[in-house]
Amino acid sequence: AAAAGPPVALVRWPSAWQAIGLLLLAAVMACKVWLNLRINLNWDE
C-alpha cells in the first residue's frame, strides 16, 4: 500500500474560493426565489 502511493480521493472538494463562490451563488439564487413572489407581475408576462 505504501509503494502504491497516497490514496486517490474519490471526491474533489472545492477550494476555499470555490466554496465562497458556491455560497454566494446559492444566496443570490435564494434571493431570486424570494423576489419571484415580490416583484410585480408585468403586462408582457
PDB file of all heavy atoms in Angstrom:
ATOM      1  N   ALA A   1       0.832  -1.199   0.000  1.00  0.00           N
ATOM      2  CA  ALA A   1       0.000   0.000   0.000  1.00  0.00           C
ATOM      3  C   ALA A   1       0.869   1.253   0.000  1.00  0.00           C
ATOM      4  O   ALA A   1       0.556   2.235  -0.674  1.00  0.00           O
ATOM      5  CB  ALA A   1      -0.929   0.009   1.206  1.00  0.00           C
ATOM      6  N   ALA A   2       1.966   1.233   0.736  1.00  0.00           N
ATOM      7  CA  ALA A   2       2.859   2.383   0.782  1.00  0.00           C
ATOM      8  C   ALA A   2       3.543   2.570  -0.564  1.00  0.00           C
ATOM      9  O   ALA A   2       3.774   3.697  -1.000  1.00  0.00           O
ATOM     10  CB  ALA A   2       3.893   2.206   1.887  1.00  0.00           C
ATOM     11  N   ALA A   3       3.855   1.484  -1.239  1.00  0.00           N
ATOM     12  CA  ALA A   3       4.511   1.582  -2.536  1.00  0.00           C
ATOM     13  C   ALA A   3       3.550   2.116  -3.600  1.00  0.00           C
ATOM     14  O   ALA A   3       3.978   2.732  -4.574  1.00  0.00           O
ATOM     15  CB  ALA A   3       5.044   0.212  -2.952  1.00  0.00           C
ATOM     16  N   ALA A   4       2.267   1.882  -3.397  1.00  0.00           N
ATOM     17  CA  ALA A   4       1.288   2.333  -4.381  1.00  0.00           C
ATOM     18  C   ALA A   4       1.084   3.848  -4.334  1.00  0.00           C
ATOM     19  O   ALA A   4       0.546   4.423  -5.261  1.00  0.00           O
ATOM     20  CB  ALA A   4      -0.057   1.636  -4.143  1.00  0.00           C
ATOM     21  N   GLY A   5       1.512   4.517  -3.276  1.00  0.00           N
ATOM     22  CA  GLY A   5       1.372   5.967  -3.180  1.00  0.00           C
ATOM     23  C   GLY A   5       0.148   6.337  -2.354  1.00  0.00           C
ATOM     24  O   GLY A   5      -0.548   5.482  -1.814  1.00  0.00           O
ATOM     25  N   PRO A   6      -0.125   7.617  -2.272  1.00  0.00           N
ATOM     26  CA  PRO A   6      -1.269   8.074  -1.468  1.00  0.00           C
ATOM     27  C   PRO A   6      -2.589   7.636  -2.114  1.00  0.00           C
ATOM     28  O   PRO A   6      -2.657   7.456  -3.324  1.00  0.00           O
ATOM     29  CB  PRO A   6      -1.127   9.599  -1.471  1.00  0.00           C
ATOM     30  CG  PRO A   6      -0.309   9.912  -2.668  1.00  0.00           C
ATOM     31  CD  PRO A   6       0.582   8.718  -2.889  1.00  0.00           C
ATOM     32  N   PRO A   7      -3.606   7.464  -1.278  1.00  0.00           N
ATOM     33  CA  PRO A   7      -4.895   7.049  -1.836  1.00  0.00           C
ATOM     34  C   PRO A   7      -5.483   8.143  -2.737  1.00  0.00           C
ATOM     35  O   PRO A   7      -5.279   9.329  -2.511  1.00  0.00           O
ATOM     36  CB  PRO A   7      -5.770   6.823  -0.605  1.00  0.00           C
ATOM     37  CG  PRO A   7      -5.116   7.605   0.473  1.00  0.00           C
ATOM     38  CD  PRO A   7      -3.642   7.639   0.147  1.00  0.00           C
ATOM     39  N   VAL A   8      -6.188   7.725  -3.745  1.00  0.00           N
ATOM     40  CA  VAL A   8      -6.814   8.655  -4.672  1.00  0.00           C
ATOM     41  C   VAL A   8      -8.134   9.120  -4.062  1.00  0.00           C
ATOM     42  O   VAL A   8      -8.938   8.307  -3.604  1.00  0.00           O
ATOM     43  CB  VAL A   8      -7.072   7.962  -6.035  1.00  0.00           C
ATOM     44  CG1 VAL A   8      -7.806   8.903  -6.976  1.00  0.00           C
ATOM     45  CG2 VAL A   8      -5.775   7.487  -6.642  1.00  0.00           C
ATOM     46  N   ALA A   9      -8.339  10.416  -4.033  1.00  0.00           N
ATOM     47  CA  ALA A   9      -9.579  10.965  -3.473  1.00  0.00           C
ATOM     48  C   ALA A   9     -10.726  10.716  -4.448  1.00  0.00           C
ATOM     49  O   ALA A   9     -10.614  10.985  -5.636  1.00  0.00           O
ATOM     50  CB  ALA A   9      -9.420  12.450  -3.215  1.00  0.00           C
ATOM     51  N   LEU A  10     -11.806  10.178  -3.930  1.00  0.00           N
ATOM     52  CA  LEU A  10     -12.968   9.927  -4.766  1.00  0.00           C
ATOM     53  C   LEU A  10     -13.765  11.193  -5.010  1.00  0.00           C
ATOM     54  O   LEU A  10     -14.414  11.351  -6.033  1.00  0.00           O
ATOM     55  CB  LEU A  10     -13.866   8.868  -4.119  1.00  0.00           C
ATOM     56  CG  LEU A  10     -13.237   7.485  -3.960  1.00  0.00           C
ATOM     57  CD1 LEU A  10     -14.201   6.565  -3.228  1.00  0.00           C
ATOM     58  CD2 LEU A  10     -12.866   6.911  -5.306  1.00  0.00           C
ATOM     59  N   VAL A  11     -13.733  12.117  -4.060  1.00  0.00           N
ATOM     60  CA  VAL A  11     -14.442  13.380  -4.180  1.00  0.00           C
ATOM     61  C   VAL A  11     -13.417  14.503  -4.168  1.00  0.00           C
ATOM     62  O   VAL A  11     -12.551  14.540  -3.301  1.00  0.00           O
ATOM     63  CB  VAL A  11     -15.444  13.565  -3.020  1.00  0.00           C
ATOM     64  CG1 VAL A  11     -16.119  14.924  -3.103  1.00  0.00           C
ATOM     65  CG2 VAL A  11     -16.465  12.452  -3.012  1.00  0.00           C
ATOM     66  N   ARG A  12     -13.517  15.391  -5.131  1.00  0.00           N
ATOM     67  CA  ARG A  12     -12.612  16.536  -5.157  1.00  0.00           C
ATOM     68  C   ARG A  12     -13.325  17.701  -4.491  1.00  0.00           C
ATOM     69  O   ARG A  12     -14.286  18.248  -5.029  1.00  0.00           O
ATOM     70  CB  ARG A  12     -12.258  16.886  -6.592  1.00  0.00           C
ATOM     71  CG  ARG A  12     -11.245  17.964  -6.680  1.00  0.00           C
ATOM     72  CD  ARG A  12     -10.769  18.163  -8.109  1.00  0.00           C
ATOM     73  NE  ARG A  12     -10.048  19.393  -8.161  1.00  0.00           N
ATOM     74  CZ  ARG A  12     -10.281  20.361  -9.019  1.00  0.00           C
ATOM     75  NH1 ARG A  12     -11.186  20.208  -9.930  1.00  0.00           N
ATOM     76  NH2 ARG A  12      -9.581  21.460  -8.987  1.00  0.00           N
ATOM     77  N   TRP A  13     -12.901  18.061  -3.305  1.00  0.00           N
ATOM     78  CA  TRP A  13     -13.530  19.128  -2.539  1.00  0.00           C
ATOM     79  C   TRP A  13     -13.141  20.465  -3.128  1.00  0.00           C
ATOM     80  O   TRP A  13     -12.023  20.674  -3.575  1.00  0.00           O
ATOM     81  CB  TRP A  13     -13.110  19.051  -1.075  1.00  0.00           C
ATOM     82  CG  TRP A  13     -13.602  17.800  -0.429  1.00  0.00           C
ATOM     83  CD1 TRP A  13     -12.884  16.683  -0.164  1.00  0.00           C
ATOM     84  CD2 TRP A  13     -14.932  17.516  -0.014  1.00  0.00           C
ATOM     85  NE1 TRP A  13     -13.666  15.716   0.398  1.00  0.00           N
ATOM     86  CE2 TRP A  13     -14.944  16.205   0.499  1.00  0.00           C
ATOM     87  CE3 TRP A  13     -16.124  18.238  -0.036  1.00  0.00           C
ATOM     88  CZ2 TRP A  13     -16.092  15.610   0.998  1.00  0.00           C
ATOM     89  CZ3 TRP A  13     -17.259  17.644   0.457  1.00  0.00           C
ATOM     90  CH2 TRP A  13     -17.243  16.349   0.973  1.00  0.00           C
ATOM     91  N   PRO A  14     -14.061  21.425  -3.130  1.00  0.00           N
ATOM     92  CA  PRO A  14     -13.743  22.744  -3.682  1.00  0.00           C
ATOM     93  C   PRO A  14     -12.745  23.480  -2.796  1.00  0.00           C
ATOM     94  O   PRO A  14     -12.675  23.244  -1.594  1.00  0.00           O
ATOM     95  CB  PRO A  14     -15.092  23.461  -3.715  1.00  0.00           C
ATOM     96  CG  PRO A  14     -15.944  22.746  -2.730  1.00  0.00           C
ATOM     97  CD  PRO A  14     -15.438  21.335  -2.667  1.00  0.00           C
ATOM     98  N   SER A  15     -11.998  24.370  -3.444  1.00  0.00           N
ATOM     99  CA  SER A  15     -11.079  25.213  -2.685  1.00  0.00           C
ATOM    100  C   SER A  15     -11.911  26.220  -1.883  1.00  0.00           C
ATOM    101  O   SER A  15     -13.119  26.337  -2.061  1.00  0.00           O
ATOM    102  CB  SER A  15     -10.143  25.953  -3.639  1.00  0.00           C
ATOM    103  OG  SER A  15     -10.859  26.944  -4.359  1.00  0.00           O
ATOM    104  N   ALA A  16     -11.238  26.960  -1.012  1.00  0.00           N
ATOM    105  CA  ALA A  16     -11.941  27.961  -0.211  1.00  0.00           C
ATOM    106  C   ALA A  16     -12.613  28.995  -1.111  1.00  0.00           C
ATOM    107  O   ALA A  16     -13.750  29.406  -0.862  1.00  0.00           O
ATOM    108  CB  ALA A  16     -10.973  28.634   0.756  1.00  0.00           C
ATOM    109  N   TRP A  17     -11.926  29.419  -2.185  1.00  0.00           N
ATOM    110  CA  TRP A  17     -12.504  30.400  -3.101  1.00  0.00           C
ATOM    111  C   TRP A  17     -13.730  29.835  -3.810  1.00  0.00           C
ATOM    112  O   TRP A  17     -14.725  30.523  -4.002  1.00  0.00           O
ATOM    113  CB  TRP A  17     -11.471  30.866  -4.123  1.00  0.00           C
ATOM    114  CG  TRP A  17     -10.454  31.774  -3.524  1.00  0.00           C
ATOM    115  CD1 TRP A  17      -9.141  31.492  -3.303  1.00  0.00           C
ATOM    116  CD2 TRP A  17     -10.659  33.103  -3.047  1.00  0.00           C
ATOM    117  NE1 TRP A  17      -8.513  32.562  -2.713  1.00  0.00           N
ATOM    118  CE2 TRP A  17      -9.434  33.571  -2.557  1.00  0.00           C
ATOM    119  CE3 TRP A  17     -11.759  33.939  -2.993  1.00  0.00           C
ATOM    120  CZ2 TRP A  17      -9.279  34.841  -2.024  1.00  0.00           C
ATOM    121  CZ3 TRP A  17     -11.613  35.205  -2.459  1.00  0.00           C
ATOM    122  CH2 TRP A  17     -10.378  35.640  -1.982  1.00  0.00           C
ATOM    123  N   GLN A  18     -13.648  28.577  -4.214  1.00  0.00           N
ATOM    124  CA  GLN A  18     -14.793  27.951  -4.876  1.00  0.00           C
ATOM    125  C   GLN A  18     -15.962  27.800  -3.910  1.00  0.00           C
ATOM    126  O   GLN A  18     -17.122  27.994  -4.288  1.00  0.00           O
ATOM    127  CB  GLN A  18     -14.401  26.599  -5.461  1.00  0.00           C
ATOM    128  CG  GLN A  18     -13.500  26.718  -6.669  1.00  0.00           C
ATOM    129  CD  GLN A  18     -12.936  25.372  -7.088  1.00  0.00           C
ATOM    130  OE1 GLN A  18     -12.662  24.525  -6.252  1.00  0.00           O
ATOM    131  NE2 GLN A  18     -12.777  25.192  -8.389  1.00  0.00           N
ATOM    132  N   ALA A  19     -15.679  27.467  -2.668  1.00  0.00           N
ATOM    133  CA  ALA A  19     -16.738  27.338  -1.665  1.00  0.00           C
ATOM    134  C   ALA A  19     -17.419  28.686  -1.428  1.00  0.00           C
ATOM    135  O   ALA A  19     -18.654  28.761  -1.323  1.00  0.00           O
ATOM    136  CB  ALA A  19     -16.171  26.781  -0.356  1.00  0.00           C
ATOM    137  N   ILE A  20     -16.618  29.744  -1.365  1.00  0.00           N
ATOM    138  CA  ILE A  20     -17.194  31.086  -1.214  1.00  0.00           C
ATOM    139  C   ILE A  20     -18.086  31.403  -2.407  1.00  0.00           C
ATOM    140  O   ILE A  20     -19.201  31.904  -2.257  1.00  0.00           O
ATOM    141  CB  ILE A  20     -16.073  32.142  -1.062  1.00  0.00           C
ATOM    142  CG1 ILE A  20     -15.385  31.979   0.296  1.00  0.00           C
ATOM    143  CG2 ILE A  20     -16.624  33.558  -1.238  1.00  0.00           C
ATOM    144  CD1 ILE A  20     -14.116  32.786   0.430  1.00  0.00           C
ATOM    145  N   GLY A  21     -17.612  31.098  -3.593  1.00  0.00           N
ATOM    146  CA  GLY A  21     -18.396  31.335  -4.800  1.00  0.00           C
ATOM    147  C   GLY A  21     -19.692  30.550  -4.806  1.00  0.00           C
ATOM    148  O   GLY A  21     -20.753  31.086  -5.143  1.00  0.00           O
ATOM    149  N   LEU A  22     -19.638  29.287  -4.421  1.00  0.00           N
ATOM    150  CA  LEU A  22     -20.846  28.463  -4.360  1.00  0.00           C
ATOM    151  C   LEU A  22     -21.854  29.026  -3.369  1.00  0.00           C
ATOM    152  O   LEU A  22     -23.053  29.089  -3.649  1.00  0.00           O
ATOM    153  CB  LEU A  22     -20.490  27.029  -3.977  1.00  0.00           C
ATOM    154  CG  LEU A  22     -19.920  26.147  -5.075  1.00  0.00           C
ATOM    155  CD1 LEU A  22     -19.406  24.838  -4.483  1.00  0.00           C
ATOM    156  CD2 LEU A  22     -20.960  25.876  -6.133  1.00  0.00           C
ATOM    157  N   LEU A  23     -21.363  29.456  -2.214  1.00  0.00           N
ATOM    158  CA  LEU A  23     -22.252  30.034  -1.207  1.00  0.00           C
ATOM    159  C   LEU A  23     -22.889  31.338  -1.691  1.00  0.00           C
ATOM    160  O   LEU A  23     -24.087  31.561  -1.494  1.00  0.00           O
ATOM    161  CB  LEU A  23     -21.503  30.268   0.100  1.00  0.00           C
ATOM    162  CG  LEU A  23     -21.128  28.996   0.878  1.00  0.00           C
ATOM    163  CD1 LEU A  23     -20.238  29.349   2.062  1.00  0.00           C
ATOM    164  CD2 LEU A  23     -22.380  28.272   1.327  1.00  0.00           C
ATOM    165  N   LEU A  24     -22.094  32.185  -2.331  1.00  0.00           N
ATOM    166  CA  LEU A  24     -22.639  33.445  -2.854  1.00  0.00           C
ATOM    167  C   LEU A  24     -23.676  33.188  -3.946  1.00  0.00           C
ATOM    168  O   LEU A  24     -24.734  33.820  -3.971  1.00  0.00           O
ATOM    169  CB  LEU A  24     -21.516  34.329  -3.381  1.00  0.00           C
ATOM    170  CG  LEU A  24     -20.632  34.991  -2.330  1.00  0.00           C
ATOM    171  CD1 LEU A  24     -19.445  35.684  -2.985  1.00  0.00           C
ATOM    172  CD2 LEU A  24     -21.439  35.983  -1.514  1.00  0.00           C
ATOM    173  N   LEU A  25     -23.369  32.254  -4.847  1.00  0.00           N
ATOM    174  CA  LEU A  25     -24.323  31.933  -5.915  1.00  0.00           C
ATOM    175  C   LEU A  25     -25.612  31.358  -5.338  1.00  0.00           C
ATOM    176  O   LEU A  25     -26.712  31.706  -5.781  1.00  0.00           O
ATOM    177  CB  LEU A  25     -23.695  30.960  -6.913  1.00  0.00           C
ATOM    178  CG  LEU A  25     -22.643  31.564  -7.848  1.00  0.00           C
ATOM    179  CD1 LEU A  25     -21.918  30.467  -8.603  1.00  0.00           C
ATOM    180  CD2 LEU A  25     -23.283  32.547  -8.803  1.00  0.00           C
ATOM    181  N   ALA A  26     -25.486  30.486  -4.351  1.00  0.00           N
ATOM    182  CA  ALA A  26     -26.678  29.909  -3.716  1.00  0.00           C
ATOM    183  C   ALA A  26     -27.489  31.000  -3.016  1.00  0.00           C
ATOM    184  O   ALA A  26     -28.729  30.999  -3.085  1.00  0.00           O
ATOM    185  CB  ALA A  26     -26.272  28.824  -2.724  1.00  0.00           C
ATOM    186  N   ALA A  27     -26.812  31.949  -2.378  1.00  0.00           N
ATOM    187  CA  ALA A  27     -27.525  33.036  -1.697  1.00  0.00           C
ATOM    188  C   ALA A  27     -28.268  33.917  -2.695  1.00  0.00           C
ATOM    189  O   ALA A  27     -29.420  34.294  -2.464  1.00  0.00           O
ATOM    190  CB  ALA A  27     -26.543  33.874  -0.876  1.00  0.00           C
ATOM    191  N   VAL A  28     -27.631  34.233  -3.809  1.00  0.00           N
ATOM    192  CA  VAL A  28     -28.290  35.069  -4.816  1.00  0.00           C
ATOM    193  C   VAL A  28     -29.467  34.322  -5.432  1.00  0.00           C
ATOM    194  O   VAL A  28     -30.539  34.904  -5.649  1.00  0.00           O
ATOM    195  CB  VAL A  28     -27.289  35.529  -5.893  1.00  0.00           C
ATOM    196  CG1 VAL A  28     -27.991  36.235  -7.032  1.00  0.00           C
ATOM    197  CG2 VAL A  28     -26.243  36.441  -5.281  1.00  0.00           C
ATOM    198  N   MET A  29     -29.307  33.033  -5.701  1.00  0.00           N
ATOM    199  CA  MET A  29     -30.431  32.256  -6.253  1.00  0.00           C
ATOM    200  C   MET A  29     -31.579  32.177  -5.241  1.00  0.00           C
ATOM    201  O   MET A  29     -32.747  32.237  -5.624  1.00  0.00           O
ATOM    202  CB  MET A  29     -29.969  30.857  -6.672  1.00  0.00           C
ATOM    203  CG  MET A  29     -29.146  30.829  -7.950  1.00  0.00           C
ATOM    204  SD  MET A  29     -29.982  31.471  -9.415  1.00  0.00           S
ATOM    205  CE  MET A  29     -31.149  30.179  -9.758  1.00  0.00           C
ATOM    206  N   ALA A  30     -31.263  32.073  -3.964  1.00  0.00           N
ATOM    207  CA  ALA A  30     -32.313  32.077  -2.939  1.00  0.00           C
ATOM    208  C   ALA A  30     -33.035  33.421  -2.926  1.00  0.00           C
ATOM    209  O   ALA A  30     -34.267  33.475  -2.777  1.00  0.00           O
ATOM    210  CB  ALA A  30     -31.718  31.771  -1.570  1.00  0.00           C
ATOM    211  N   CYS A  31     -32.294  34.510  -3.095  1.00  0.00           N
ATOM    212  CA  CYS A  31     -32.925  35.834  -3.191  1.00  0.00           C
ATOM    213  C   CYS A  31     -33.831  35.908  -4.412  1.00  0.00           C
ATOM    214  O   CYS A  31     -34.907  36.506  -4.361  1.00  0.00           O
ATOM    215  CB  CYS A  31     -31.861  36.928  -3.275  1.00  0.00           C
ATOM    216  SG  CYS A  31     -31.019  37.246  -1.726  1.00  0.00           S
ATOM    217  N   LYS A  32     -33.413  35.297  -5.509  1.00  0.00           N
ATOM    218  CA  LYS A  32     -34.241  35.285  -6.721  1.00  0.00           C
ATOM    219  C   LYS A  32     -35.560  34.566  -6.460  1.00  0.00           C
ATOM    220  O   LYS A  32     -36.606  34.996  -6.937  1.00  0.00           O
ATOM    221  CB  LYS A  32     -33.511  34.610  -7.883  1.00  0.00           C
ATOM    222  CG  LYS A  32     -32.386  35.388  -8.476  1.00  0.00           C
ATOM    223  CD  LYS A  32     -32.861  36.611  -9.213  1.00  0.00           C
ATOM    224  CE  LYS A  32     -33.793  36.261 -10.336  1.00  0.00           C
ATOM    225  NZ  LYS A  32     -34.600  37.380 -10.797  1.00  0.00           N
ATOM    226  N   VAL A  33     -35.524  33.473  -5.723  1.00  0.00           N
ATOM    227  CA  VAL A  33     -36.758  32.748  -5.397  1.00  0.00           C
ATOM    228  C   VAL A  33     -37.676  33.650  -4.576  1.00  0.00           C
ATOM    229  O   VAL A  33     -38.884  33.742  -4.834  1.00  0.00           O
ATOM    230  CB  VAL A  33     -36.442  31.438  -4.642  1.00  0.00           C
ATOM    231  CG1 VAL A  33     -37.688  30.810  -4.065  1.00  0.00           C
ATOM    232  CG2 VAL A  33     -35.727  30.462  -5.569  1.00  0.00           C
ATOM    233  N   TRP A  34     -37.115  34.337  -3.610  1.00  0.00           N
ATOM    234  CA  TRP A  34     -37.903  35.252  -2.785  1.00  0.00           C
ATOM    235  C   TRP A  34     -38.458  36.399  -3.640  1.00  0.00           C
ATOM    236  O   TRP A  34     -39.624  36.781  -3.505  1.00  0.00           O
ATOM    237  CB  TRP A  34     -37.036  35.785  -1.647  1.00  0.00           C
ATOM    238  CG  TRP A  34     -37.755  36.708  -0.730  1.00  0.00           C
ATOM    239  CD1 TRP A  34     -38.643  36.376   0.249  1.00  0.00           C
ATOM    240  CD2 TRP A  34     -37.657  38.131  -0.720  1.00  0.00           C
ATOM    241  NE1 TRP A  34     -39.105  37.507   0.876  1.00  0.00           N
ATOM    242  CE2 TRP A  34     -38.510  38.599   0.301  1.00  0.00           C
ATOM    243  CE3 TRP A  34     -36.925  39.054  -1.456  1.00  0.00           C
ATOM    244  CZ2 TRP A  34     -38.654  39.951   0.592  1.00  0.00           C
ATOM    245  CZ3 TRP A  34     -37.067  40.398  -1.167  1.00  0.00           C
ATOM    246  CH2 TRP A  34     -37.925  40.833  -0.150  1.00  0.00           C
ATOM    247  N   LEU A  35     -37.627  36.935  -4.550  1.00  0.00           N
ATOM    248  CA  LEU A  35     -38.071  38.034  -5.404  1.00  0.00           C
ATOM    249  C   LEU A  35     -39.176  37.609  -6.361  1.00  0.00           C
ATOM    250  O   LEU A  35     -39.999  38.437  -6.768  1.00  0.00           O
ATOM    251  CB  LEU A  35     -36.895  38.598  -6.203  1.00  0.00           C
ATOM    252  CG  LEU A  35     -35.987  39.564  -5.474  1.00  0.00           C
ATOM    253  CD1 LEU A  35     -34.800  39.945  -6.345  1.00  0.00           C
ATOM    254  CD2 LEU A  35     -36.745  40.810  -5.056  1.00  0.00           C
ATOM    255  N   ASN A  36     -39.193  36.336  -6.735  1.00  0.00           N
ATOM    256  CA  ASN A  36     -40.257  35.836  -7.612  1.00  0.00           C
ATOM    257  C   ASN A  36     -41.634  36.161  -7.048  1.00  0.00           C
ATOM    258  O   ASN A  36     -42.565  36.441  -7.787  1.00  0.00           O
ATOM    259  CB  ASN A  36     -40.154  34.316  -7.762  1.00  0.00           C
ATOM    260  CG  ASN A  36     -39.490  33.922  -9.039  1.00  0.00           C
ATOM    261  OD1 ASN A  36     -39.256  34.731  -9.916  1.00  0.00           O
ATOM    262  ND2 ASN A  36     -39.175  32.654  -9.144  1.00  0.00           N
ATOM    263  N   LEU A  37     -41.732  36.096  -5.755  1.00  0.00           N
ATOM    264  CA  LEU A  37     -43.015  36.339  -5.099  1.00  0.00           C
ATOM    265  C   LEU A  37     -43.253  37.813  -4.803  1.00  0.00           C
ATOM    266  O   LEU A  37     -44.365  38.193  -4.432  1.00  0.00           O
ATOM    267  CB  LEU A  37     -43.080  35.531  -3.799  1.00  0.00           C
ATOM    268  CG  LEU A  37     -42.922  34.020  -3.963  1.00  0.00           C
ATOM    269  CD1 LEU A  37     -42.765  33.347  -2.622  1.00  0.00           C
ATOM    270  CD2 LEU A  37     -44.085  33.449  -4.750  1.00  0.00           C
ATOM    271  N   ARG A  38     -42.234  38.639  -4.927  1.00  0.00           N
ATOM    272  CA  ARG A  38     -42.338  40.040  -4.521  1.00  0.00           C
ATOM    273  C   ARG A  38     -42.392  41.027  -5.694  1.00  0.00           C
ATOM    274  O   ARG A  38     -42.993  42.081  -5.587  1.00  0.00           O
ATOM    275  CB  ARG A  38     -41.141  40.424  -3.637  1.00  0.00           C
ATOM    276  CG  ARG A  38     -41.034  39.591  -2.389  1.00  0.00           C
ATOM    277  CD  ARG A  38     -42.063  40.049  -1.383  1.00  0.00           C
ATOM    278  NE  ARG A  38     -41.888  39.343  -0.131  1.00  0.00           N
ATOM    279  CZ  ARG A  38     -42.786  38.530   0.393  1.00  0.00           C
ATOM    280  NH1 ARG A  38     -43.899  38.305  -0.220  1.00  0.00           N
ATOM    281  NH2 ARG A  38     -42.573  37.939   1.538  1.00  0.00           N
ATOM    282  N   ILE A  39     -41.702  40.699  -6.784  1.00  0.00           N
ATOM    283  CA  ILE A  39     -41.643  41.637  -7.909  1.00  0.00           C
ATOM    284  C   ILE A  39     -42.986  41.646  -8.627  1.00  0.00           C
ATOM    285  O   ILE A  39     -43.611  40.608  -8.824  1.00  0.00           O
ATOM    286  CB  ILE A  39     -40.497  41.255  -8.871  1.00  0.00           C
ATOM    287  CG1 ILE A  39     -39.164  41.570  -8.210  1.00  0.00           C
ATOM    288  CG2 ILE A  39     -40.609  41.981 -10.193  1.00  0.00           C
ATOM    289  CD1 ILE A  39     -37.964  41.298  -9.066  1.00  0.00           C
ATOM    290  N   ASN A  40     -43.418  42.839  -9.032  1.00  0.00           N
ATOM    291  CA  ASN A  40     -44.700  42.990  -9.726  1.00  0.00           C
ATOM    292  C   ASN A  40     -44.758  42.125 -10.975  1.00  0.00           C
ATOM    293  O   ASN A  40     -43.768  41.967 -11.693  1.00  0.00           O
ATOM    294  CB  ASN A  40     -44.916  44.445 -10.124  1.00  0.00           C
ATOM    295  CG  ASN A  40     -45.111  45.340  -8.945  1.00  0.00           C
ATOM    296  OD1 ASN A  40     -45.468  44.890  -7.859  1.00  0.00           O
ATOM    297  ND2 ASN A  40     -44.879  46.626  -9.141  1.00  0.00           N
ATOM    298  N   LEU A  41     -45.940  41.615 -11.231  1.00  0.00           N
ATOM    299  CA  LEU A  41     -46.181  40.909 -12.484  1.00  0.00           C
ATOM    300  C   LEU A  41     -46.331  41.968 -13.570  1.00  0.00           C
ATOM    301  O   LEU A  41     -47.010  42.970 -13.376  1.00  0.00           O
ATOM    302  CB  LEU A  41     -47.444  40.058 -12.378  1.00  0.00           C
ATOM    303  CG  LEU A  41     -47.453  39.032 -11.242  1.00  0.00           C
ATOM    304  CD1 LEU A  41     -48.790  38.324 -11.205  1.00  0.00           C
ATOM    305  CD2 LEU A  41     -46.333  38.036 -11.404  1.00  0.00           C
ATOM    306  N   ASN A  42     -45.710  41.737 -14.715  1.00  0.00           N
ATOM    307  CA  ASN A  42     -45.707  42.740 -15.772  1.00  0.00           C
ATOM    308  C   ASN A  42     -46.684  42.370 -16.879  1.00  0.00           C
ATOM    309  O   ASN A  42     -46.985  41.195 -17.094  1.00  0.00           O
ATOM    310  CB  ASN A  42     -44.299  42.894 -16.352  1.00  0.00           C
ATOM    311  CG  ASN A  42     -43.345  43.450 -15.330  1.00  0.00           C
ATOM    312  OD1 ASN A  42     -43.571  44.527 -14.785  1.00  0.00           O
ATOM    313  ND2 ASN A  42     -42.281  42.711 -15.029  1.00  0.00           N
ATOM    314  N   TRP A  43     -47.130  43.379 -17.601  1.00  0.00           N
ATOM    315  CA  TRP A  43     -48.113  43.162 -18.661  1.00  0.00           C
ATOM    316  C   TRP A  43     -47.597  42.199 -19.705  1.00  0.00           C
ATOM    317  O   TRP A  43     -48.359  41.411 -20.264  1.00  0.00           O
ATOM    318  CB  TRP A  43     -48.509  44.496 -19.303  1.00  0.00           C
ATOM    319  CG  TRP A  43     -47.412  45.092 -20.137  1.00  0.00           C
ATOM    320  CD1 TRP A  43     -46.473  45.980 -19.733  1.00  0.00           C
ATOM    321  CD2 TRP A  43     -47.138  44.809 -21.510  1.00  0.00           C
ATOM    322  NE1 TRP A  43     -45.612  46.268 -20.766  1.00  0.00           N
ATOM    323  CE2 TRP A  43     -46.002  45.564 -21.878  1.00  0.00           C
ATOM    324  CE3 TRP A  43     -47.730  43.997 -22.472  1.00  0.00           C
ATOM    325  CZ2 TRP A  43     -45.453  45.518 -23.153  1.00  0.00           C
ATOM    326  CZ3 TRP A  43     -47.179  43.956 -23.750  1.00  0.00           C
ATOM    327  CH2 TRP A  43     -46.062  44.726 -24.074  1.00  0.00           C
ATOM    328  N   ASP A  44     -46.274  42.252 -20.017  1.00  0.00           N
ATOM    329  CA  ASP A  44     -45.768  41.377 -21.066  1.00  0.00           C
ATOM    330  C   ASP A  44     -45.756  39.912 -20.637  1.00  0.00           C
ATOM    331  O   ASP A  44     -45.838  39.016 -21.479  1.00  0.00           O
ATOM    332  CB  ASP A  44     -44.395  41.831 -21.557  1.00  0.00           C
ATOM    333  CG  ASP A  44     -43.355  41.935 -20.465  1.00  0.00           C
ATOM    334  OD1 ASP A  44     -43.737  42.021 -19.281  1.00  0.00           O
ATOM    335  OD2 ASP A  44     -42.160  41.947 -20.795  1.00  0.00           O
ATOM    336  N   GLU A  45     -45.695  39.648 -19.333  1.00  0.00           N
ATOM    337  CA  GLU A  45     -45.807  38.268 -18.866  1.00  0.00           C
ATOM    338  C   GLU A  45     -47.229  37.754 -19.081  1.00  0.00           C
ATOM    339  O   GLU A  45     -47.433  36.603 -19.490  1.00  0.00           O
ATOM    340  CB  GLU A  45     -45.412  38.169 -17.397  1.00  0.00           C
ATOM    341  CG  GLU A  45     -43.933  38.432 -17.166  1.00  0.00           C
ATOM    342  CD  GLU A  45     -43.558  38.422 -15.706  1.00  0.00           C
ATOM    343  OE1 GLU A  45     -44.004  39.332 -14.974  1.00  0.00           O
ATOM    344  OE2 GLU A  45     -42.825  37.497 -15.311  1.00  0.00           O
TER     345      GLU A  45
END
